[in-house]
Amino acid sequence: MHHLATALQGLPPSCGPVRLVAVDGHAGSGKTTFAGRLAAALGGAPVLHLDDIASHEELFDWTGRLLSQVIEPLGRGETAHYSPYDWHTRRFGPPRPLPAAPVVLIEGVGAGRRALRPYLAGLLWMELPHEESWARGRTRDGAEQRDFWVRWVVAERAHFTEDPSRPHADLLVAGTQQGYEVLPGPGSTAGPYQSVTHRDGPSAVC
């Protein structure tokens, strides 16, 4: 993981002084766990979870809120303040700070969407097929979320059909028994990512 962290820290700032890095993928693909481990490797980088930005009424229609509450302040080098959504009470809570750190991670389905890509220093895609990801998500959330998952799958399919992220990913991240394998993504170019993109052998695990 430290090789990837070093490469990301070496990228030029993309949103004011911030290197904004997105971790996208299907629901249930392991984005939150991976982002947490990457944040630790980055020395405690802030992580914005898109579950805090979305809501029951706006599963994907949250771009304006993210831009105004997070992207614009970070672009000015200021601490952003966003109101996290509570999925149990169905209400937005009190503002939470997000500092303009050297690297800030945004993780969640749609983190690599078209409207956000101009502000990203890097886009990572969790490489797990949607059916396997959704099955993991359903198991994680249990029977009480069955109806929500029916609605979610329809919404996610529609989102990625209209605004796919994977074709623009700089890196693909696949889970292995030893950790993670990081490979060049469809949108990858040579440069700072080269040192972390290995296809075979133990060196592929970061």
C-alpha atoms as a PDB file:
ATOM      1  CA  MET A   1       0.000   0.000   0.000  1.00  0.00           C
ATOM      2  CA  HIS A   2       2.878   2.385   0.684  1.00  0.00           C
ATOM      3  CA  HIS A   3       3.911   2.337  -3.010  1.00  0.00           C
ATOM      4  CA  LEU A   4       0.465   3.540  -4.028  1.00  0.00           C
ATOM      5  CA  ALA A   5       0.421   6.149  -1.272  1.00  0.00           C
ATOM      6  CA  THR A   6       3.791   7.496  -2.400  1.00  0.00           C
ATOM      7  CA  ALA A   7       2.618   7.718  -5.998  1.00  0.00           C
ATOM      8  CA  LEU A   8      -0.533   9.606  -5.014  1.00  0.00           C
ATOM      9  CA  GLN A   9       1.428  12.022  -2.846  1.00  0.00           C
ATOM     10  CA  GLY A  10       3.616  12.765  -5.867  1.00  0.00           C
ATOM     11  CA  LEU A  11       0.716  13.817  -8.078  1.00  0.00           C
ATOM     12  CA  PRO A  12       0.145  17.513  -8.765  1.00  0.00           C
ATOM     13  CA  PRO A  13      -2.703  19.151  -6.809  1.00  0.00           C
ATOM     14  CA  SER A  14      -6.030  18.956  -8.608  1.00  0.00           C
ATOM     15  CA  CYS A  15      -8.456  20.947  -6.446  1.00  0.00           C
ATOM     16  CA  GLY A  16      -6.742  24.031  -5.107  1.00  0.00           C
ATOM     17  CA  PRO A  17      -3.865  22.695  -2.952  1.00  0.00           C
ATOM     18  CA  VAL A  18      -5.548  19.288  -2.608  1.00  0.00           C
ATOM     19  CA  ARG A  19      -4.865  16.045  -4.473  1.00  0.00           C
ATOM     20  CA  LEU A  20      -8.394  14.714  -4.666  1.00  0.00           C
ATOM     21  CA  VAL A  21      -8.433  10.952  -5.224  1.00  0.00           C
ATOM     22  CA  ALA A  22     -11.649   9.039  -5.958  1.00  0.00           C
ATOM     23  CA  VAL A  23     -12.277   5.385  -5.091  1.00  0.00           C
ATOM     24  CA  ASP A  24     -15.233   4.177  -7.148  1.00  0.00           C
ATOM     25  CA  GLY A  25     -16.809   0.811  -7.872  1.00  0.00           C
ATOM     26  CA  HIS A  26     -20.032  -1.116  -7.498  1.00  0.00           C
ATOM     27  CA  ALA A  27     -21.839  -1.161  -4.164  1.00  0.00           C
ATOM     28  CA  GLY A  28     -20.321  -3.935  -2.070  1.00  0.00           C
ATOM     29  CA  SER A  29     -16.986  -3.988  -3.930  1.00  0.00           C
ATOM     30  CA  GLY A  30     -14.888  -3.053  -0.894  1.00  0.00           C
ATOM     31  CA  LYS A  31     -14.391   0.662  -1.472  1.00  0.00           C
ATOM     32  CA  THR A  32     -14.754   1.716   2.159  1.00  0.00           C
ATOM     33  CA  THR A  33     -12.297  -0.859   3.492  1.00  0.00           C
ATOM     34  CA  PHE A  34      -9.732  -0.104   0.813  1.00  0.00           C
ATOM     35  CA  ALA A  35     -10.073   3.664   1.248  1.00  0.00           C
ATOM     36  CA  GLY A  36      -9.542   3.275   4.982  1.00  0.00           C
ATOM     37  CA  ARG A  37      -6.333   1.319   4.474  1.00  0.00           C
ATOM     38  CA  LEU A  38      -5.099   3.743   1.847  1.00  0.00           C
ATOM     39  CA  ALA A  39      -5.864   6.685   4.126  1.00  0.00           C
ATOM     40  CA  ALA A  40      -3.785   5.074   6.866  1.00  0.00           C
ATOM     41  CA  ALA A  41      -0.892   4.545   4.429  1.00  0.00           C
ATOM     42  CA  LEU A  42      -1.167   8.233   3.558  1.00  0.00           C
ATOM     43  CA  GLY A  43      -0.626   9.138   7.193  1.00  0.00           C
ATOM     44  CA  GLY A  44      -4.269   9.653   8.106  1.00  0.00           C
ATOM     45  CA  ALA A  45      -5.626  11.315   4.974  1.00  0.00           C
ATOM     46  CA  PRO A  46      -9.233  12.556   5.281  1.00  0.00           C
ATOM     47  CA  VAL A  47     -11.872  10.334   3.674  1.00  0.00           C
ATOM     48  CA  LEU A  48     -15.240  11.576   2.446  1.00  0.00           C
ATOM     49  CA  HIS A  49     -17.812   8.765   2.205  1.00  0.00           C
ATOM     50  CA  LEU A  50     -20.445   9.449  -0.423  1.00  0.00           C
ATOM     51  CA  ASP A  51     -22.972   7.636   1.767  1.00  0.00           C
ATOM     52  CA  ASP A  52     -22.829  10.848   3.813  1.00  0.00           C
ATOM     53  CA  ILE A  53     -23.674  12.975   0.762  1.00  0.00           C
ATOM     54  CA  ALA A  54     -26.385  10.825  -0.838  1.00  0.00           C
ATOM     55  CA  SER A  55     -29.841  10.256   0.635  1.00  0.00           C
ATOM     56  CA  HIS A  56     -32.872   8.021   0.149  1.00  0.00           C
ATOM     57  CA  GLU A  57     -34.416  10.649  -2.115  1.00  0.00           C
ATOM     58  CA  GLU A  58     -31.157  11.406  -3.959  1.00  0.00           C
ATOM     59  CA  LEU A  59     -29.233   8.188  -4.427  1.00  0.00           C
ATOM     60  CA  PHE A  60     -27.188   9.757  -7.224  1.00  0.00           C
ATOM     61  CA  ASP A  61     -28.520  13.275  -7.638  1.00  0.00           C
ATOM     62  CA  TRP A  62     -26.084  14.833  -5.155  1.00  0.00           C
ATOM     63  CA  THR A  63     -23.522  16.509  -7.407  1.00  0.00           C
ATOM     64  CA  GLY A  64     -24.590  20.057  -6.574  1.00  0.00           C
ATOM     65  CA  ARG A  65     -24.379  19.428  -2.835  1.00  0.00           C
ATOM     66  CA  LEU A  66     -20.924  17.901  -3.112  1.00  0.00           C
ATOM     67  CA  LEU A  67     -19.647  20.746  -5.263  1.00  0.00           C
ATOM     68  CA  SER A  68     -20.948  23.487  -2.974  1.00  0.00           C
ATOM     69  CA  GLN A  69     -20.148  21.863   0.373  1.00  0.00           C
ATOM     70  CA  VAL A  70     -16.851  20.161  -0.447  1.00  0.00           C
ATOM     71  CA  ILE A  71     -15.230  20.840  -3.824  1.00  0.00           C
ATOM     72  CA  GLU A  72     -15.519  24.617  -3.858  1.00  0.00           C
ATOM     73  CA  PRO A  73     -14.094  25.163  -0.337  1.00  0.00           C
ATOM     74  CA  LEU A  74     -11.260  22.705  -0.925  1.00  0.00           C
ATOM     75  CA  GLY A  75     -10.504  24.483  -4.191  1.00  0.00           C
ATOM     76  CA  ARG A  76      -9.972  27.666  -2.186  1.00  0.00           C
ATOM     77  CA  GLY A  77      -7.696  25.857   0.244  1.00  0.00           C
ATOM     78  CA  GLU A  78     -10.342  26.062   2.982  1.00  0.00           C
ATOM     79  CA  THR A  79     -11.707  23.408   5.297  1.00  0.00           C
ATOM     80  CA  ALA A  80     -14.954  22.090   3.802  1.00  0.00           C
ATOM     81  CA  HIS A  81     -18.054  21.461   5.911  1.00  0.00           C
ATOM     82  CA  TYR A  82     -20.668  18.951   4.798  1.00  0.00           C
ATOM     83  CA  SER A  83     -23.819  17.703   6.508  1.00  0.00           C
ATOM     84  CA  PRO A  84     -23.715  13.880   6.704  1.00  0.00           C
ATOM     85  CA  TYR A  85     -26.937  12.012   6.002  1.00  0.00           C
ATOM     86  CA  ASP A  86     -28.290   9.598   8.614  1.00  0.00           C
ATOM     87  CA  TRP A  87     -29.773   6.603   6.807  1.00  0.00           C
ATOM     88  CA  HIS A  88     -31.773   5.582   9.880  1.00  0.00           C
ATOM     89  CA  THR A  89     -33.411   8.897  10.769  1.00  0.00           C
ATOM     90  CA  ARG A  90     -33.474  10.016   7.114  1.00  0.00           C
ATOM     91  CA  ARG A  91     -32.120  13.433   8.044  1.00  0.00           C
ATOM     92  CA  PHE A  92     -28.969  15.413   7.390  1.00  0.00           C
ATOM     93  CA  GLY A  93     -26.957  16.000  10.547  1.00  0.00           C
ATOM     94  CA  PRO A  94     -24.816  18.891  11.787  1.00  0.00           C
ATOM     95  CA  PRO A  95     -21.873  20.022   9.613  1.00  0.00           C
ATOM     96  CA  ARG A  96     -18.706  17.957   9.744  1.00  0.00           C
ATOM     97  CA  PRO A  97     -15.282  19.380   8.768  1.00  0.00           C
ATOM     98  CA  LEU A  98     -13.141  18.045   5.941  1.00  0.00           C
ATOM     99  CA  PRO A  99      -9.695  19.692   5.935  1.00  0.00           C
ATOM    100  CA  ALA A 100      -7.868  20.718   2.783  1.00  0.00           C
ATOM    101  CA  ALA A 101      -5.139  18.113   3.346  1.00  0.00           C
ATOM    102  CA  PRO A 102      -2.453  17.304   0.741  1.00  0.00           C
ATOM    103  CA  VAL A 103      -4.455  14.187  -0.233  1.00  0.00           C
ATOM    104  CA  VAL A 104      -8.206  13.791   0.317  1.00  0.00           C
ATOM    105  CA  LEU A 105     -10.011  10.568  -0.604  1.00  0.00           C
ATOM    106  CA  ILE A 106     -13.593  10.438  -1.872  1.00  0.00           C
ATOM    107  CA  GLU A 107     -15.052   6.945  -1.811  1.00  0.00           C
ATOM    108  CA  GLY A 108     -18.402   5.730  -2.984  1.00  0.00           C
ATOM    109  CA  VAL A 109     -20.422   4.709  -5.998  1.00  0.00           C
ATOM    110  CA  GLY A 110     -20.174   7.553  -8.477  1.00  0.00           C
ATOM    111  CA  ALA A 111     -17.025   9.133  -7.037  1.00  0.00           C
ATOM    112  CA  GLY A 112     -15.545   9.137 -10.520  1.00  0.00           C
ATOM    113  CA  ARG A 113     -18.553  10.686 -12.213  1.00  0.00           C
ATOM    114  CA  ARG A 114     -18.207  13.091 -15.111  1.00  0.00           C
ATOM    115  CA  ALA A 115     -18.868  16.240 -13.074  1.00  0.00           C
ATOM    116  CA  LEU A 116     -16.123  15.427 -10.573  1.00  0.00           C
ATOM    117  CA  ARG A 117     -13.342  14.197 -12.853  1.00  0.00           C
ATOM    118  CA  PRO A 118     -11.977  17.711 -13.597  1.00  0.00           C
ATOM    119  CA  TYR A 119     -11.175  18.035  -9.875  1.00  0.00           C
ATOM    120  CA  LEU A 120      -9.544  14.616  -9.458  1.00  0.00           C
ATOM    121  CA  ALA A 121      -5.836  13.904  -9.280  1.00  0.00           C
ATOM    122  CA  GLY A 122      -6.568  10.208  -9.626  1.00  0.00           C
ATOM    123  CA  LEU A 123      -9.452   7.774 -10.089  1.00  0.00           C
ATOM    124  CA  LEU A 124      -9.245   4.246  -8.671  1.00  0.00           C
ATOM    125  CA  TRP A 125     -11.805   1.591  -9.581  1.00  0.00           C
ATOM    126  CA  MET A 126     -12.476  -1.478  -7.418  1.00  0.00           C
ATOM    127  CA  GLU A 127     -12.313  -4.321  -9.900  1.00  0.00           C
ATOM    128  CA  LEU A 128     -15.126  -6.649  -8.827  1.00  0.00           C
ATOM    129  CA  PRO A 129     -18.067  -7.628 -11.089  1.00  0.00           C
ATOM    130  CA  HIS A 130     -21.366  -6.011 -10.208  1.00  0.00           C
ATOM    131  CA  GLU A 131     -23.227  -9.235  -9.422  1.00  0.00           C
ATOM    132  CA  GLU A 132     -20.537 -10.343  -6.972  1.00  0.00           C
ATOM    133  CA  SER A 133     -20.359  -6.876  -5.446  1.00  0.00           C
ATOM    134  CA  TRP A 134     -24.123  -6.645  -5.005  1.00  0.00           C
ATOM    135  CA  ALA A 135     -24.262 -10.137  -3.475  1.00  0.00           C
ATOM    136  CA  ARG A 136     -21.641  -9.091  -0.924  1.00  0.00           C
ATOM    137  CA  GLY A 137     -23.559  -5.906  -0.198  1.00  0.00           C
ATOM    138  CA  ARG A 138     -26.849  -7.733   0.327  1.00  0.00           C
ATOM    139  CA  THR A 139     -25.174 -10.176   2.696  1.00  0.00           C
ATOM    140  CA  ARG A 140     -23.564  -7.324   4.606  1.00  0.00           C
ATOM    141  CA  ASP A 141     -26.797  -5.340   4.990  1.00  0.00           C
ATOM    142  CA  GLY A 142     -29.113  -8.211   5.816  1.00  0.00           C
ATOM    143  CA  ALA A 143     -32.757  -8.951   5.104  1.00  0.00           C
ATOM    144  CA  GLU A 144     -34.010  -5.647   6.525  1.00  0.00           C
ATOM    145  CA  GLN A 145     -32.398  -3.828   3.586  1.00  0.00           C
ATOM    146  CA  ARG A 146     -33.804  -6.145   0.900  1.00  0.00           C
ATOM    147  CA  ASP A 147     -36.274  -3.599  -0.468  1.00  0.00           C
ATOM    148  CA  PHE A 148     -33.636  -0.876  -0.512  1.00  0.00           C
ATOM    149  CA  TRP A 149     -31.284  -3.098  -2.516  1.00  0.00           C
ATOM    150  CA  VAL A 150     -33.945  -3.723  -5.154  1.00  0.00           C
ATOM    151  CA  ARG A 151     -34.217   0.017  -5.680  1.00  0.00           C
ATOM    152  CA  TRP A 152     -30.464   0.540  -5.424  1.00  0.00           C
ATOM    153  CA  VAL A 153     -29.562  -1.960  -8.144  1.00  0.00           C
ATOM    154  CA  VAL A 154     -31.914  -0.251 -10.598  1.00  0.00           C
ATOM    155  CA  ALA A 155     -30.459   3.163  -9.730  1.00  0.00           C
ATOM    156  CA  GLU A 156     -26.836   2.033  -9.932  1.00  0.00           C
ATOM    157  CA  ARG A 157     -27.365   0.354 -13.302  1.00  0.00           C
ATOM    158  CA  ALA A 158     -28.912   3.532 -14.649  1.00  0.00           C
ATOM    159  CA  HIS A 159     -26.118   5.704 -13.266  1.00  0.00           C
ATOM    160  CA  PHE A 160     -23.235   3.711 -14.697  1.00  0.00           C
ATOM    161  CA  THR A 161     -25.041   3.309 -18.034  1.00  0.00           C
ATOM    162  CA  GLU A 162     -25.325   7.082 -18.382  1.00  0.00           C
ATOM    163  CA  ASP A 163     -22.107   8.086 -16.590  1.00  0.00           C
ATOM    164  CA  PRO A 164     -19.592   5.211 -16.355  1.00  0.00           C
ATOM    165  CA  SER A 165     -16.485   5.638 -14.210  1.00  0.00           C
ATOM    166  CA  ARG A 166     -14.407   2.555 -15.040  1.00  0.00           C
ATOM    167  CA  PRO A 167     -13.393   3.663 -18.578  1.00  0.00           C
ATOM    168  CA  HIS A 168     -11.726   6.703 -17.009  1.00  0.00           C
ATOM    169  CA  ALA A 169      -9.992   4.928 -14.113  1.00  0.00           C
ATOM    170  CA  ASP A 170      -6.255   5.495 -13.737  1.00  0.00           C
ATOM    171  CA  LEU A 171      -5.861   2.329 -11.683  1.00  0.00           C
ATOM    172  CA  LEU A 172      -7.844  -0.868 -11.144  1.00  0.00           C
ATOM    173  CA  VAL A 173      -7.750  -2.317  -7.633  1.00  0.00           C
ATOM    174  CA  ALA A 174      -8.447  -6.018  -7.173  1.00  0.00           C
ATOM    175  CA  GLY A 175      -8.586  -7.736  -3.806  1.00  0.00           C
ATOM    176  CA  THR A 176      -6.332 -10.759  -3.267  1.00  0.00           C
ATOM    177  CA  GLN A 177      -5.728 -13.110  -0.350  1.00  0.00           C
ATOM    178  CA  GLN A 178      -2.578 -11.136   0.451  1.00  0.00           C
ATOM    179  CA  GLY A 179      -3.998  -7.652   0.036  1.00  0.00           C
ATOM    180  CA  TYR A 180      -4.629  -5.722  -3.173  1.00  0.00           C
ATOM    181  CA  GLU A 181      -3.371  -5.945  -6.733  1.00  0.00           C
ATOM    182  CA  VAL A 182      -3.117  -2.596  -8.484  1.00  0.00           C
ATOM    183  CA  LEU A 183      -3.151  -2.558 -12.283  1.00  0.00           C
ATOM    184  CA  PRO A 184      -3.267   0.154 -14.953  1.00  0.00           C
ATOM    185  CA  GLY A 185      -6.795   1.334 -15.675  1.00  0.00           C
ATOM    186  CA  PRO A 186      -8.410   2.170 -19.031  1.00  0.00           C
ATOM    187  CA  GLY A 187      -7.713   5.872 -18.464  1.00  0.00           C
ATOM    188  CA  SER A 188      -4.147   5.345 -17.296  1.00  0.00           C
ATOM    189  CA  THR A 189      -1.141   7.131 -18.739  1.00  0.00           C
ATOM    190  CA  ALA A 190       2.514   6.616 -17.928  1.00  0.00           C
ATOM    191  CA  GLY A 191       3.960   8.647 -15.107  1.00  0.00           C
ATOM    192  CA  PRO A 192       3.600   8.545 -11.336  1.00  0.00           C
ATOM    193  CA  TYR A 193       1.366   5.459 -11.427  1.00  0.00           C
ATOM    194  CA  GLN A 194       3.974   3.370 -13.202  1.00  0.00           C
ATOM    195  CA  SER A 195       5.713   2.351  -9.987  1.00  0.00           C
ATOM    196  CA  VAL A 196       2.561   0.791  -8.522  1.00  0.00           C
ATOM    197  CA  THR A 197       1.136  -1.003 -11.539  1.00  0.00           C
ATOM    198  CA  HIS A 198       2.354  -4.599 -11.495  1.00  0.00           C
ATOM    199  CA  ARG A 199       0.526  -7.451 -13.151  1.00  0.00           C
ATOM    200  CA  ASP A 200       2.158 -10.564 -11.684  1.00  0.00           C
ATOM    201  CA  GLY A 201       3.922 -11.916  -8.641  1.00  0.00           C
ATOM    202  CA  PRO A 202       4.246 -10.769  -5.051  1.00  0.00           C
ATOM    203  CA  SER A 203       5.091  -7.210  -6.127  1.00  0.00           C
ATOM    204  CA  ALA A 204       1.489  -6.796  -7.244  1.00  0.00           C
ATOM    205  CA  VAL A 205       0.341  -6.666  -3.638  1.00  0.00           C
ATOM    206  CA  CYS A 206       0.580  -3.252  -2.056  1.00  0.00           C
END
